[in-house]
PDB file of N, CA and C in Angstrom:
ATOM      1  N   MET A   1      93.975 115.755 112.396  1.00  0.00           N
ATOM      2  CA  MET A   1      94.860 114.930 111.616  1.00  0.00           C
ATOM      3  C   MET A   1      96.144 114.657 112.393  1.00  0.00           C
ATOM      4  N   GLN A   2      96.573 115.635 113.170  1.00  0.00           N
ATOM      5  CA  GLN A   2      97.782 115.431 113.959  1.00  0.00           C
ATOM      6  C   GLN A   2      97.582 114.310 114.978  1.00  0.00           C
ATOM      7  N   ALA A   3      96.404 114.249 115.554  1.00  0.00           N
ATOM      8  CA  ALA A   3      96.130 113.190 116.533  1.00  0.00           C
ATOM      9  C   ALA A   3      96.248 111.810 115.876  1.00  0.00           C
ATOM     10  N   PHE A   4      95.747 111.666 114.658  1.00  0.00           N
ATOM     11  CA  PHE A   4      95.843 110.378 113.972  1.00  0.00           C
ATOM     12  C   PHE A   4      97.293 110.041 113.657  1.00  0.00           C
ATOM     13  N   ALA A   5      98.069 111.035 113.244  1.00  0.00           N
ATOM     14  CA  ALA A   5      99.489 110.799 112.976  1.00  0.00           C
ATOM     15  C   ALA A   5     100.209 110.379 114.250  1.00  0.00           C
ATOM     16  N   ASP A   6      99.900 111.041 115.364  1.00  0.00           N
ATOM     17  CA  ASP A   6     100.534 110.693 116.638  1.00  0.00           C
ATOM     18  C   ASP A   6     100.107 109.315 117.121  1.00  0.00           C
ATOM     19  N   ILE A   7      98.852 108.973 116.911  1.00  0.00           N
ATOM     20  CA  ILE A   7      98.345 107.655 117.321  1.00  0.00           C
ATOM     21  C   ILE A   7      99.003 106.550 116.500  1.00  0.00           C
ATOM     22  N   LYS A   8      99.215 106.809 115.232  1.00  0.00           N
ATOM     23  CA  LYS A   8      99.776 105.802 114.340  1.00  0.00           C
ATOM     24  C   LYS A   8     101.266 105.553 114.594  1.00  0.00           C
ATOM     25  N   THR A   9     101.967 106.569 115.050  1.00  0.00           N
ATOM     26  CA  THR A   9     103.406 106.470 115.235  1.00  0.00           C
ATOM     27  C   THR A   9     103.759 105.616 116.448  1.00  0.00           C
ATOM     28  N   ILE A  10     104.615 104.645 116.210  1.00  0.00           N
ATOM     29  CA  ILE A  10     105.110 103.807 117.303  1.00  0.00           C
ATOM     30  C   ILE A  10     106.624 104.029 117.370  1.00  0.00           C
ATOM     31  N   CYS A  11     107.037 104.834 118.318  1.00  0.00           N
ATOM     32  CA  CYS A  11     108.454 105.095 118.545  1.00  0.00           C
ATOM     33  C   CYS A  11     108.759 104.826 120.006  1.00  0.00           C
ATOM     34  N   LYS A  12     109.960 104.461 120.254  1.00  0.00           N
ATOM     35  CA  LYS A  12     110.327 104.080 121.615  1.00  0.00           C
ATOM     36  C   LYS A  12     110.865 105.239 122.448  1.00  0.00           C
ATOM     37  N   ASP A  13     111.035 106.425 121.840  1.00  0.00           N
ATOM     38  CA  ASP A  13     111.568 107.537 122.611  1.00  0.00           C
ATOM     39  C   ASP A  13     110.457 108.234 123.395  1.00  0.00           C
ATOM     40  N   ALA A  14     110.805 108.777 124.522  1.00  0.00           N
ATOM     41  CA  ALA A  14     109.830 109.345 125.469  1.00  0.00           C
ATOM     42  C   ALA A  14     108.919 110.420 124.871  1.00  0.00           C
ATOM     43  N   PRO A  15     109.428 111.377 124.085  1.00  0.00           N
ATOM     44  CA  PRO A  15     108.515 112.406 123.541  1.00  0.00           C
ATOM     45  C   PRO A  15     107.423 111.823 122.645  1.00  0.00           C
ATOM     46  N   ASN A  16     107.777 110.856 121.809  1.00  0.00           N
ATOM     47  CA  ASN A  16     106.775 110.253 120.918  1.00  0.00           C
ATOM     48  C   ASN A  16     105.785 109.386 121.682  1.00  0.00           C
ATOM     49  N   ILE A  17     106.262 108.688 122.693  1.00  0.00           N
ATOM     50  CA  ILE A  17     105.355 107.888 123.523  1.00  0.00           C
ATOM     51  C   ILE A  17     104.344 108.801 124.205  1.00  0.00           C
ATOM     52  N   LYS A  18     104.826 109.928 124.725  1.00  0.00           N
ATOM     53  CA  LYS A  18     103.937 110.881 125.401  1.00  0.00           C
ATOM     54  C   LYS A  18     102.913 111.461 124.421  1.00  0.00           C
ATOM     55  N   ARG A  19     103.370 111.856 123.216  1.00  0.00           N
ATOM     56  CA  ARG A  19     102.437 112.411 122.209  1.00  0.00           C
ATOM     57  C   ARG A  19     101.363 111.396 121.840  1.00  0.00           C
ATOM     58  N   ARG A  20     101.751 110.137 121.698  1.00  0.00           N
ATOM     59  CA  ARG A  20     100.787 109.086 121.348  1.00  0.00           C
ATOM     60  C   ARG A  20      99.759 108.910 122.465  1.00  0.00           C
ATOM     61  N   GLN A  21     100.226 108.872 123.712  1.00  0.00           N
ATOM     62  CA  GLN A  21      99.315 108.735 124.846  1.00  0.00           C
ATOM     63  C   GLN A  21      98.370 109.933 124.944  1.00  0.00           C
ATOM     64  N   GLU A  22      98.883 111.126 124.717  1.00  0.00           N
ATOM     65  CA  GLU A  22      98.047 112.332 124.761  1.00  0.00           C
ATOM     66  C   GLU A  22      97.008 112.323 123.646  1.00  0.00           C
ATOM     67  N   ALA A  23      97.399 111.859 122.459  1.00  0.00           N
ATOM     68  CA  ALA A  23      96.459 111.811 121.332  1.00  0.00           C
ATOM     69  C   ALA A  23      95.330 110.824 121.618  1.00  0.00           C
ATOM     70  N   ILE A  24      95.661 109.687 122.188  1.00  0.00           N
ATOM     71  CA  ILE A  24      94.629 108.702 122.528  1.00  0.00           C
ATOM     72  C   ILE A  24      93.720 109.253 123.623  1.00  0.00           C
ATOM     73  N   ALA A  25      94.296 109.904 124.612  1.00  0.00           N
ATOM     74  CA  ALA A  25      93.497 110.488 125.699  1.00  0.00           C
ATOM     75  C   ALA A  25      92.581 111.597 125.182  1.00  0.00           C
ATOM     76  N   TRP A  26      93.015 112.323 124.150  1.00  0.00           N
ATOM     77  CA  TRP A  26      92.227 113.423 123.581  1.00  0.00           C
ATOM     78  C   TRP A  26      90.880 112.927 123.042  1.00  0.00           C
ATOM     79  N   LEU A  27      90.816 111.657 122.662  1.00  0.00           N
ATOM     80  CA  LEU A  27      89.579 111.095 122.116  1.00  0.00           C
ATOM     81  C   LEU A  27      88.440 111.103 123.137  1.00  0.00           C
ATOM     82  N   ASP A  28      88.759 111.238 124.412  1.00  0.00           N
ATOM     83  CA  ASP A  28      87.750 111.234 125.477  1.00  0.00           C
ATOM     84  C   ASP A  28      87.463 112.636 126.022  1.00  0.00           C
ATOM     85  N   THR A  29      87.817 113.655 125.260  1.00  0.00           N
ATOM     86  CA  THR A  29      87.622 115.018 125.749  1.00  0.00           C
ATOM     87  C   THR A  29      86.461 115.706 125.036  1.00  0.00           C
ATOM     88  N   PRO A  30      85.885 116.725 125.673  1.00  0.00           N
ATOM     89  CA  PRO A  30      84.846 117.513 125.011  1.00  0.00           C
ATOM     90  C   PRO A  30      85.372 118.204 123.747  1.00  0.00           C
ATOM     91  N   ASP A  31      86.663 118.539 123.732  1.00  0.00           N
ATOM     92  CA  ASP A  31      87.257 119.180 122.554  1.00  0.00           C
ATOM     93  C   ASP A  31      87.173 118.267 121.328  1.00  0.00           C
ATOM     94  N   PHE A  32      87.444 116.977 121.528  1.00  0.00           N
ATOM     95  CA  PHE A  32      87.340 116.018 120.425  1.00  0.00           C
ATOM     96  C   PHE A  32      85.912 115.994 119.878  1.00  0.00           C
ATOM     97  N   ASN A  33      84.935 115.943 120.770  1.00  0.00           N
ATOM     98  CA  ASN A  33      83.535 115.927 120.332  1.00  0.00           C
ATOM     99  C   ASN A  33      83.172 117.210 119.592  1.00  0.00           C
ATOM    100  N   MET A  34      83.704 118.334 120.042  1.00  0.00           N
ATOM    101  CA  MET A  34      83.415 119.604 119.388  1.00  0.00           C
ATOM    102  C   MET A  34      84.015 119.636 117.973  1.00  0.00           C
ATOM    103  N   VAL A  35      85.244 119.140 117.828  1.00  0.00           N
ATOM    104  CA  VAL A  35      85.880 119.099 116.511  1.00  0.00           C
ATOM    105  C   VAL A  35      85.059 118.232 115.561  1.00  0.00           C
ATOM    106  N   CYS A  36      84.612 117.074 116.039  1.00  0.00           N
ATOM    107  CA  CYS A  36      83.783 116.200 115.200  1.00  0.00           C
ATOM    108  C   CYS A  36      82.461 116.876 114.849  1.00  0.00           C
ATOM    109  N   ASP A  37      81.887 117.584 115.804  1.00  0.00           N
ATOM    110  CA  ASP A  37      80.635 118.290 115.562  1.00  0.00           C
ATOM    111  C   ASP A  37      80.812 119.346 114.473  1.00  0.00           C
ATOM    112  N   TYR A  38      81.895 120.121 114.565  1.00  0.00           N
ATOM    113  CA  TYR A  38      82.165 121.146 113.537  1.00  0.00           C
ATOM    114  C   TYR A  38      82.383 120.521 112.161  1.00  0.00           C
ATOM    115  N   ALA A  39      82.976 119.323 112.148  1.00  0.00           N
ATOM    116  CA  ALA A  39      83.230 118.631 110.881  1.00  0.00           C
ATOM    117  C   ALA A  39      82.017 117.846 110.405  1.00  0.00           C
ATOM    118  N   ASN A  40      80.962 117.830 111.221  1.00  0.00           N
ATOM    119  CA  ASN A  40      79.728 117.115 110.898  1.00  0.00           C
ATOM    120  C   ASN A  40      79.971 115.615 110.694  1.00  0.00           C
ATOM    121  N   ILE A  41      80.788 115.045 111.593  1.00  0.00           N
ATOM    122  CA  ILE A  41      81.030 113.608 111.563  1.00  0.00           C
ATOM    123  C   ILE A  41      80.747 113.020 112.942  1.00  0.00           C
ATOM    124  N   ASN A  42      80.425 111.760 112.959  1.00  0.00           N
ATOM    125  CA  ASN A  42      80.056 111.061 114.184  1.00  0.00           C
ATOM    126  C   ASN A  42      81.305 110.766 115.016  1.00  0.00           C
ATOM    127  N   PRO A  43      81.428 111.350 116.212  1.00  0.00           N
ATOM    128  CA  PRO A  43      82.626 111.127 117.023  1.00  0.00           C
ATOM    129  C   PRO A  43      82.800 109.675 117.474  1.00  0.00           C
ATOM    130  N   VAL A  44      81.725 108.947 117.615  1.00  0.00           N
ATOM    131  CA  VAL A  44      81.824 107.543 118.038  1.00  0.00           C
ATOM    132  C   VAL A  44      82.555 106.732 116.971  1.00  0.00           C
ATOM    133  N   ILE A  45      82.216 106.950 115.724  1.00  0.00           N
ATOM    134  CA  ILE A  45      82.854 106.209 114.636  1.00  0.00           C
ATOM    135  C   ILE A  45      84.309 106.636 114.468  1.00  0.00           C
ATOM    136  N   VAL A  46      84.574 107.915 114.580  1.00  0.00           N
ATOM    137  CA  VAL A  46      85.948 108.399 114.461  1.00  0.00           C
ATOM    138  C   VAL A  46      86.796 107.842 115.598  1.00  0.00           C
ATOM    139  N   LYS A  47      86.268 107.864 116.811  1.00  0.00           N
ATOM    140  CA  LYS A  47      87.005 107.328 117.956  1.00  0.00           C
ATOM    141  C   LYS A  47      87.263 105.833 117.774  1.00  0.00           C
ATOM    142  N   GLU A  48      86.259 105.102 117.316  1.00  0.00           N
ATOM    143  CA  GLU A  48      86.422 103.664 117.085  1.00  0.00           C
ATOM    144  C   GLU A  48      87.547 103.411 116.088  1.00  0.00           C
ATOM    145  N   PHE A  49      87.555 104.186 115.000  1.00  0.00           N
ATOM    146  CA  PHE A  49      88.607 104.033 113.998  1.00  0.00           C
ATOM    147  C   PHE A  49      89.980 104.367 114.598  1.00  0.00           C
ATOM    148  N   ALA A  50      90.050 105.447 115.367  1.00  0.00           N
ATOM    149  CA  ALA A  50      91.325 105.855 115.965  1.00  0.00           C
ATOM    150  C   ALA A  50      91.862 104.782 116.902  1.00  0.00           C
ATOM    151  N   LEU A  51      90.986 104.178 117.672  1.00  0.00           N
ATOM    152  CA  LEU A  51      91.424 103.120 118.588  1.00  0.00           C
ATOM    153  C   LEU A  51      91.849 101.867 117.832  1.00  0.00           C
ATOM    154  N   ARG A  52      91.167 101.577 116.728  1.00  0.00           N
ATOM    155  CA  ARG A  52      91.589 100.456 115.882  1.00  0.00           C
ATOM    156  C   ARG A  52      92.953 100.759 115.261  1.00  0.00           C
ATOM    157  N   LEU A  53      93.164 102.012 114.866  1.00  0.00           N
ATOM    158  CA  LEU A  53      94.447 102.436 114.321  1.00  0.00           C
ATOM    159  C   LEU A  53      95.551 102.271 115.361  1.00  0.00           C
ATOM    160  N   ALA A  54      95.280 102.698 116.585  1.00  0.00           N
ATOM    161  CA  ALA A  54      96.264 102.571 117.664  1.00  0.00           C
ATOM    162  C   ALA A  54      96.611 101.107 117.907  1.00  0.00           C
ATOM    163  N   ASP A  55      95.597 100.267 117.943  1.00  0.00           N
ATOM    164  CA  ASP A  55      95.810  98.841 118.179  1.00  0.00           C
ATOM    165  C   ASP A  55      96.613  98.214 117.041  1.00  0.00           C
ATOM    166  N   ALA A  56      96.244  98.532 115.809  1.00  0.00           N
ATOM    167  CA  ALA A  56      96.945  97.974 114.649  1.00  0.00           C
ATOM    168  C   ALA A  56      98.397  98.437 114.617  1.00  0.00           C
ATOM    169  N   SER A  57      98.626  99.705 114.902  1.00  0.00           N
ATOM    170  CA  SER A  57      99.990 100.226 114.904  1.00  0.00           C
ATOM    171  C   SER A  57     100.832  99.550 115.977  1.00  0.00           C
ATOM    172  N   ALA A  58     100.252  99.373 117.154  1.00  0.00           N
ATOM    173  CA  ALA A  58     100.979  98.740 118.251  1.00  0.00           C
ATOM    174  C   ALA A  58     101.348  97.295 117.910  1.00  0.00           C
ATOM    175  N   LYS A  59     100.494  96.634 117.139  1.00  0.00           N
ATOM    176  CA  LYS A  59     100.751  95.243 116.761  1.00  0.00           C
ATOM    177  C   LYS A  59     101.586  95.126 115.489  1.00  0.00           C
ATOM    178  N   GLY A  60     101.814  96.265 114.826  1.00  0.00           N
ATOM    179  CA  GLY A  60     102.583  96.255 113.589  1.00  0.00           C
ATOM    180  C   GLY A  60     101.834  95.674 112.414  1.00  0.00           C
ATOM    181  N   VAL A  61     100.507  95.741 112.457  1.00  0.00           N
ATOM    182  CA  VAL A  61      99.706  95.231 111.348  1.00  0.00           C
ATOM    183  C   VAL A  61      99.195  96.385 110.492  1.00  0.00           C
ATOM    184  N   ARG A  62      98.700  96.039 109.338  1.00  0.00           N
ATOM    185  CA  ARG A  62      98.220  97.036 108.384  1.00  0.00           C
ATOM    186  C   ARG A  62      97.064  97.850 108.954  1.00  0.00           C
ATOM    187  N   LEU A  63      97.003  99.099 108.552  1.00  0.00           N
ATOM    188  CA  LEU A  63      95.947 100.019 108.955  1.00  0.00           C
ATOM    189  C   LEU A  63      94.579  99.443 108.639  1.00  0.00           C
ATOM    190  N   PRO A  64      93.670  99.402 109.611  1.00  0.00           N
ATOM    191  CA  PRO A  64      92.319  98.893 109.331  1.00  0.00           C
ATOM    192  C   PRO A  64      91.580  99.835 108.389  1.00  0.00           C
ATOM    193  N   SER A  65      90.754  99.272 107.557  1.00  0.00           N
ATOM    194  CA  SER A  65      90.001 100.061 106.595  1.00  0.00           C
ATOM    195  C   SER A  65      88.592 100.317 107.110  1.00  0.00           C
ATOM    196  N   LEU A  66      88.141 101.534 106.983  1.00  0.00           N
ATOM    197  CA  LEU A  66      86.772 101.860 107.371  1.00  0.00           C
ATOM    198  C   LEU A  66      85.775 101.156 106.459  1.00  0.00           C
ATOM    199  N   GLU A  67      86.118 101.032 105.202  1.00  0.00           N
ATOM    200  CA  GLU A  67      85.179 100.494 104.230  1.00  0.00           C
ATOM    201  C   GLU A  67      84.927  98.996 104.403  1.00  0.00           C
ATOM    202  N   THR A  68      85.868  98.255 104.987  1.00  0.00           N
ATOM    203  CA  THR A  68      85.671  96.817 105.117  1.00  0.00           C
ATOM    204  C   THR A  68      84.580  96.466 106.111  1.00  0.00           C
ATOM    205  N   LYS A  69      84.306  97.337 107.026  1.00  0.00           N
ATOM    206  CA  LYS A  69      83.282  97.086 108.034  1.00  0.00           C
ATOM    207  C   LYS A  69      82.015  97.902 107.772  1.00  0.00           C
ATOM    208  N   GLY A  70      81.933  98.539 106.621  1.00  0.00           N
ATOM    209  CA  GLY A  70      80.758  99.348 106.334  1.00  0.00           C
ATOM    210  C   GLY A  70      80.729 100.636 107.144  1.00  0.00           C
ATOM    211  N   LEU A  71      81.893 101.072 107.587  1.00  0.00           N
ATOM    212  CA  LEU A  71      81.959 102.280 108.390  1.00  0.00           C
ATOM    213  C   LEU A  71      82.438 103.473 107.570  1.00  0.00           C
ATOM    214  N   ASP A  72      82.262 103.393 106.247  1.00  0.00           N
ATOM    215  CA  ASP A  72      82.776 104.459 105.405  1.00  0.00           C
ATOM    216  C   ASP A  72      81.939 105.730 105.487  1.00  0.00           C
ATOM    217  N   LYS A  73      80.775 105.670 106.072  1.00  0.00           N
ATOM    218  CA  LYS A  73      79.961 106.871 106.210  1.00  0.00           C
ATOM    219  C   LYS A  73      79.822 107.210 107.690  1.00  0.00           C
ATOM    220  N   ALA A  74      80.457 108.297 108.079  1.00  0.00           N
ATOM    221  CA  ALA A  74      80.415 108.708 109.473  1.00  0.00           C
ATOM    222  C   ALA A  74      79.050 109.253 109.831  1.00  0.00           C
ATOM    223  N   GLN A  75      78.413 109.873 108.880  1.00  0.00           N
ATOM    224  CA  GLN A  75      77.079 110.417 109.097  1.00  0.00           C
ATOM    225  C   GLN A  75      76.427 110.486 107.719  1.00  0.00           C
ATOM    226  N   SER A  76      75.148 110.455 107.653  1.00  0.00           N
ATOM    227  CA  SER A  76      74.437 110.323 106.389  1.00  0.00           C
ATOM    228  C   SER A  76      75.052 111.165 105.278  1.00  0.00           C
ATOM    229  N   GLY A  77      75.578 110.472 104.276  1.00  0.00           N
ATOM    230  CA  GLY A  77      76.123 111.134 103.106  1.00  0.00           C
ATOM    231  C   GLY A  77      77.516 111.704 103.267  1.00  0.00           C
ATOM    232  N   VAL A  78      78.106 111.637 104.425  1.00  0.00           N
ATOM    233  CA  VAL A  78      79.434 112.198 104.645  1.00  0.00           C
ATOM    234  C   VAL A  78      80.437 111.061 104.682  1.00  0.00           C
ATOM    235  N   ARG A  79      81.364 111.083 103.752  1.00  0.00           N
ATOM    236  CA  ARG A  79      82.402 110.045 103.725  1.00  0.00           C
ATOM    237  C   ARG A  79      83.548 110.465 104.617  1.00  0.00           C
ATOM    238  N   LEU A  80      84.026 109.542 105.411  1.00  0.00           N
ATOM    239  CA  LEU A  80      85.145 109.804 106.305  1.00  0.00           C
ATOM    240  C   LEU A  80      86.388 109.240 105.676  1.00  0.00           C
ATOM    241  N   ARG A  81      87.296 110.112 105.331  1.00  0.00           N
ATOM    242  CA  ARG A  81      88.573 109.668 104.763  1.00  0.00           C
ATOM    243  C   ARG A  81      89.678 110.246 105.632  1.00  0.00           C
ATOM    244  N   ILE A  82      90.509 109.370 106.128  1.00  0.00           N
ATOM    245  CA  ILE A  82      91.591 109.785 107.007  1.00  0.00           C
ATOM    246  C   ILE A  82      92.901 109.338 106.376  1.00  0.00           C
ATOM    247  N   HIS A  83      93.747 110.304 106.069  1.00  0.00           N
ATOM    248  CA  HIS A  83      95.044 110.023 105.483  1.00  0.00           C
ATOM    249  C   HIS A  83      96.098 110.293 106.539  1.00  0.00           C
ATOM    250  N   THR A  84      96.849 109.275 106.911  1.00  0.00           N
ATOM    251  CA  THR A  84      97.814 109.441 107.984  1.00  0.00           C
ATOM    252  C   THR A  84      99.256 109.248 107.509  1.00  0.00           C
ATOM    253  N   SER A  85      99.468 109.156 106.223  1.00  0.00           N
ATOM    254  CA  SER A  85     100.841 108.961 105.764  1.00  0.00           C
ATOM    255  C   SER A  85     101.494 110.262 105.394  1.00  0.00           C
TER     256      SER A  85
END
């Protein structure tokens, strides 16, 4: 959840920029895949959502919804709900 909060935050100060970059980079690590595995969710879908979140935040547009694209189920029967506020 911290990674999503860091990805969503757009601040111009160096510490926040670094945290955001680190959170985005974390999506490509084995640790990220392990966390998704433990949570029984598909890391590809979570990563896709996180990158859409990063893009939307950078553009100052509203948070993309998983449900609008039919991506509300990360894995059979498991609903993915991410609260970043």
